[in-house]
C-alpha cells in the first residue's frame, strides 16, 4: 500500500491531496491572486488529514510539483514537502507542473491531428509549456517560448493547436482566425498527481532530499 501526500503550488492555486495506491481519497485547494501559499498550505494539509482521520505517520511518501511556475509558490511547496519527508523519514517524489496539467485535462480532443499545449503564464507573451498529442503523449520538451505567429507556423502540420489552462487566457483575442483553440479552465491541481506519483513510488523513483530544488526554467524573478 502507498499512502501519498501530493502538493501542487506552481501557480496561484494552492492544492493538496492524499491518495492511496494512485486513487485520490480527498483534496483541498484554494486560489488567490495574492499567492497566499505560505498562509494556507499547511492548513490545507491539516484539513485533509483530519477529514480522512489519517495521521502523518501513516504516510509512505510525499510528492510535490517541481515546476516550472511561480518562483515563490514552488519554493514554498518544495520546502514543505522536503520538511515533511525529512521529518518522517519517507521518500520525496516530484512531478512537473506541465505533466500535472495534461493529466487534469479531460476529455482529450476528438481530432487526432491536434497538439495540446498546457500553459503557465511566464509574463509578457511567454508561457511555460510542452506539446502533447491527443493521447497525452509528450511530443516536445518543456520550454518557455514566446507565443506569436511564428509559434503557430512552427506547428503548422497540426490541424488544431489547443492552448490549455489559465496561462492561455491572455491569447484569447490574438488568434481568432487560426487553428488555435483556447481552453482556459484551471488545470493546476494536485488532482492530476495521484496516479503518476504512485507509479513513481512503485518504481522507487525518488528525489535526493539534500539536492532537490524546484525546476524554475527561467532565472529567478520574485513572484
Protein backbone atom coordinates (compact mmCIF):
# COMPACT_ATOMS: atom_id res chain seq x y z
CA UNK A 1 0.00 0.00 0.00
CA UNK A 2 1.16 3.54 -0.77
CA UNK A 3 -0.38 6.48 1.05
CA UNK A 4 0.96 9.65 -0.60
CA UNK A 5 0.54 13.34 0.18
CA UNK A 6 0.55 15.32 -3.10
CA UNK A 7 1.34 19.07 -3.11
CA UNK A 8 0.88 21.49 -6.05
CA UNK A 9 1.84 25.17 -5.61
CA UNK A 10 3.16 26.18 -9.04
CA UNK A 11 0.50 28.86 -9.70
CA UNK A 12 -1.97 31.00 -7.76
CA UNK A 13 -3.76 27.77 -6.81
CA UNK A 14 -2.53 26.02 -3.67
CA UNK A 15 -3.64 22.40 -3.85
CA UNK A 16 -3.06 19.23 -1.81
CA UNK A 17 -4.47 15.73 -1.79
CA UNK A 18 -3.95 12.38 -0.16
CA UNK A 19 -4.05 9.33 -2.42
CA UNK A 20 -3.89 5.61 -1.77
CA UNK A 21 -2.36 3.36 -4.43
CA UNK A 22 -2.97 6.03 -7.08
CA UNK A 23 -6.59 6.71 -6.09
CA UNK A 24 -7.44 10.15 -4.75
CA UNK A 25 -9.04 9.96 -1.29
CA UNK A 26 -9.63 13.65 -0.58
CA UNK A 27 -8.24 17.03 -1.57
CA UNK A 28 -8.23 20.69 -0.60
CA UNK A 29 -7.33 23.70 -2.73
CA UNK A 30 -7.67 27.45 -2.73
CA UNK A 31 -6.99 30.03 -5.45
CA UNK A 32 -5.99 33.62 -4.77
CA UNK A 33 -4.40 36.37 -6.84
CA UNK A 34 -2.38 37.24 -3.72
CA UNK A 35 -0.46 33.93 -3.73
CA UNK A 36 -1.27 33.00 -0.12
CA UNK A 37 0.52 29.64 -0.20
CA UNK A 38 2.65 30.41 2.85
CA UNK A 39 -0.50 31.10 4.88
CA UNK A 40 -2.71 28.29 3.59
CA UNK A 41 -0.59 25.30 2.57
CA UNK A 42 -0.16 23.70 5.99
CA UNK A 43 -3.76 24.49 6.90
CA UNK A 44 -4.99 22.67 3.79
CA UNK A 45 -2.75 19.70 4.58
CA UNK A 46 -4.06 19.51 8.15
CA UNK A 47 -7.68 19.75 6.98
CA UNK A 48 -7.17 16.89 4.53
CA UNK A 49 -5.61 14.62 7.14
CA UNK A 50 -8.37 15.48 9.60
CA UNK A 51 -11.16 14.75 7.13
CA UNK A 52 -9.71 11.31 6.42
CA UNK A 53 -8.79 10.62 10.06
CA UNK A 54 -5.25 9.83 8.98
CA UNK A 55 -2.07 10.55 10.95
CA UNK A 56 1.08 11.97 9.36
CA UNK A 57 3.00 8.89 10.49
CA UNK A 58 0.87 6.74 8.19
CA UNK A 59 2.29 8.38 5.04
CA UNK A 60 4.52 6.31 2.78
CA UNK A 61 5.75 9.24 0.66
CA UNK A 62 5.24 12.92 -0.10
CA UNK A 63 5.08 14.23 -3.66
CA UNK A 64 5.46 17.80 -4.88
CA UNK A 65 5.16 19.77 -8.08
CA UNK A 66 8.71 20.59 -9.15
CA UNK A 67 7.80 23.41 -11.56
CA UNK A 68 8.08 25.42 -13.65
CA UNK A 69 5.74 28.15 -12.45
CA UNK A 70 5.61 30.77 -9.71
CA UNK A 71 9.04 31.07 -8.12
CA UNK A 72 7.59 31.84 -4.69
CA UNK A 73 4.91 29.15 -4.89
CA UNK A 74 7.40 26.49 -5.92
CA UNK A 75 9.83 27.38 -3.14
CA UNK A 76 7.09 27.11 -0.53
CA UNK A 77 5.76 23.80 -1.85
CA UNK A 78 9.16 22.16 -2.23
CA UNK A 79 10.39 23.36 1.17
CA UNK A 80 7.25 22.00 2.85
CA UNK A 81 7.45 18.65 1.06
CA UNK A 82 11.13 18.23 1.88
CA UNK A 83 10.48 19.12 5.50
CA UNK A 84 7.73 16.52 5.83
CA UNK A 85 9.78 13.85 4.06
CA UNK A 86 12.81 14.54 6.25
CA UNK A 87 10.82 14.62 9.50
CA UNK A 88 9.03 11.34 8.75
CA UNK A 89 11.94 9.60 7.02
CA UNK A 90 9.88 8.91 3.90
CA UNK A 91 10.69 9.32 0.17
CA UNK A 92 10.19 12.51 -1.82
CA UNK A 93 8.62 12.26 -5.30
CA UNK A 94 8.43 15.04 -7.89
CA UNK A 95 6.16 15.74 -10.86
CA UNK A 96 6.44 18.70 -13.21
CA UNK A 97 3.63 21.23 -13.50
CA UNK A 98 3.00 20.72 -17.23
CA UNK A 99 2.52 16.98 -16.77
CA UNK A 100 0.10 17.70 -13.93
CA UNK A 101 -1.93 19.97 -16.21
CA UNK A 102 -2.22 17.46 -19.03
CA UNK A 103 -3.31 14.79 -16.54
CA UNK A 104 -6.06 17.14 -15.30
CA UNK A 105 -7.32 17.86 -18.82
CA UNK A 106 -10.29 15.76 -19.86
CA UNK A 107 -11.56 14.77 -22.30
CA UNK A 108 -8.88 14.59 -24.95
CA UNK A 109 -9.81 16.22 -28.30
CA UNK A 110 -11.57 14.14 -30.93
CA UNK A 111 -9.18 15.45 -33.58
CA UNK A 112 -6.25 13.03 -33.64
CA UNK A 113 -4.14 15.56 -35.55
CA UNK A 114 -4.20 18.09 -32.71
CA UNK A 115 -1.35 19.19 -30.48
CA UNK A 116 -2.05 20.24 -26.91
CA UNK A 117 -0.09 22.92 -25.08
CA UNK A 118 -0.78 23.22 -21.33
CA UNK A 119 0.31 26.77 -20.45
CA UNK A 120 1.50 28.57 -17.33
CA UNK A 121 1.99 32.32 -17.57
CA UNK A 122 5.67 33.33 -17.64
CA UNK A 123 4.94 37.06 -18.11
CA UNK A 124 4.80 39.14 -21.29
CA UNK A 125 3.92 36.85 -24.22
CA UNK A 126 5.84 33.89 -22.81
CA UNK A 127 4.50 30.73 -21.22
CA UNK A 128 5.88 27.54 -19.73
CA UNK A 129 4.63 24.74 -21.92
CA UNK A 130 5.26 21.48 -23.78
CA UNK A 131 3.41 19.79 -26.63
CA UNK A 132 1.30 16.63 -26.25
CA UNK A 133 -0.69 14.58 -28.73
CA UNK A 134 -4.38 13.70 -28.31
CA UNK A 135 -3.41 10.64 -26.26
CA UNK A 136 -1.44 12.87 -23.85
CA UNK A 137 1.94 11.59 -25.00
CA UNK A 138 4.59 14.30 -24.67
CA UNK A 139 6.00 15.44 -28.03
CA UNK A 140 8.27 18.36 -27.08
CA UNK A 141 10.43 19.33 -24.13
CA UNK A 142 9.24 21.85 -21.56
CA UNK A 143 10.30 25.32 -22.67
CA UNK A 144 9.36 28.98 -22.32
CA UNK A 145 8.53 30.22 -25.83
CA UNK A 146 7.03 33.50 -26.91
CA UNK A 147 3.57 32.79 -28.32
CA UNK A 148 3.18 34.55 -31.68
CA UNK A 149 2.54 33.78 -35.34
CA UNK A 150 5.97 32.16 -35.64
CA UNK A 151 4.99 29.68 -32.93
CA UNK A 152 1.80 28.83 -34.83
CA UNK A 153 3.69 28.43 -38.11
CA UNK A 154 6.25 26.16 -36.45
CA UNK A 155 3.45 23.72 -35.61
CA UNK A 156 1.61 24.12 -38.91
CA UNK A 157 1.46 20.38 -39.61
CA UNK A 158 -1.25 20.04 -36.94
CA UNK A 159 -4.91 20.75 -37.75
CA UNK A 160 -5.57 22.13 -34.26
CA UNK A 161 -3.44 23.75 -31.60
CA UNK A 162 -5.12 23.57 -28.20
CA UNK A 163 -3.85 26.13 -25.69
CA UNK A 164 -4.81 24.84 -22.25
CA UNK A 165 -5.04 26.33 -18.78
CA UNK A 166 -5.19 29.77 -17.27
CA UNK A 167 -1.89 30.67 -18.94
CA UNK A 168 -3.69 30.51 -22.29
CA UNK A 169 -6.23 33.16 -21.33
CA UNK A 170 -4.09 36.10 -22.47
CA UNK A 171 -4.11 34.74 -26.05
CA UNK A 172 -7.90 34.55 -26.33
CA UNK A 173 -8.21 37.51 -28.69
CA UNK A 174 -4.93 37.01 -30.54
CA UNK A 175 -5.61 34.05 -32.84
CA UNK A 176 -9.27 34.33 -33.87
CA UNK A 177 -8.71 33.14 -37.47
CA UNK A 178 -6.25 30.34 -36.89
CA UNK A 179 -6.20 26.68 -35.87
CA UNK A 180 -5.75 27.76 -32.23
CA UNK A 181 -8.42 26.76 -29.71
CA UNK A 182 -8.30 28.21 -26.20
CA UNK A 183 -9.43 26.08 -23.25
CA UNK A 184 -8.70 28.28 -20.25
CA UNK A 185 -10.13 26.11 -17.48
CA UNK A 186 -7.93 25.80 -14.34
CA UNK A 187 -5.71 22.71 -14.61
CA UNK A 188 -3.08 23.29 -11.92
CA UNK A 189 -4.40 20.92 -9.28
CA UNK A 190 -2.94 18.14 -7.16
CA UNK A 191 -5.81 16.01 -8.51
CA UNK A 192 -3.63 15.40 -11.56
CA UNK A 193 -0.82 13.89 -9.49
CA UNK A 194 -2.21 10.78 -7.79
CA UNK A 195 -1.72 8.09 -10.43
CA UNK A 196 1.64 9.34 -11.71
CA UNK A 197 3.18 9.73 -8.25
CA UNK A 198 2.02 6.24 -7.30
CA UNK A 199 3.72 4.87 -10.42
CA UNK A 200 6.95 6.63 -9.43
CA UNK A 201 6.61 5.27 -5.89
CA UNK A 202 6.20 1.73 -7.25
CA UNK A 203 9.37 2.17 -9.34
CA UNK A 204 11.23 3.75 -6.40
CA UNK A 205 11.90 6.88 -8.45
CA UNK A 206 12.68 9.17 -5.54
CA UNK A 207 14.45 12.52 -5.22
CA UNK A 208 17.56 13.19 -3.16
CA UNK A 209 16.39 15.30 -0.23
CA UNK A 210 19.75 17.02 0.08
CA UNK A 211 19.98 18.21 -3.52
CA UNK A 212 16.44 18.50 -4.84
CA UNK A 213 15.36 22.02 -5.83
CA UNK A 214 12.48 23.48 -7.86
CA UNK A 215 12.69 23.43 -11.66
CA UNK A 216 12.46 27.15 -12.39
CA UNK A 217 13.48 27.02 -16.09
CA UNK A 218 13.91 30.82 -16.13
CA UNK A 219 16.21 32.92 -13.97
CA UNK A 220 14.72 33.92 -10.64
CA UNK A 221 12.06 36.64 -10.70
CA UNK A 222 10.16 37.36 -7.46
CA UNK A 223 6.55 36.14 -7.62
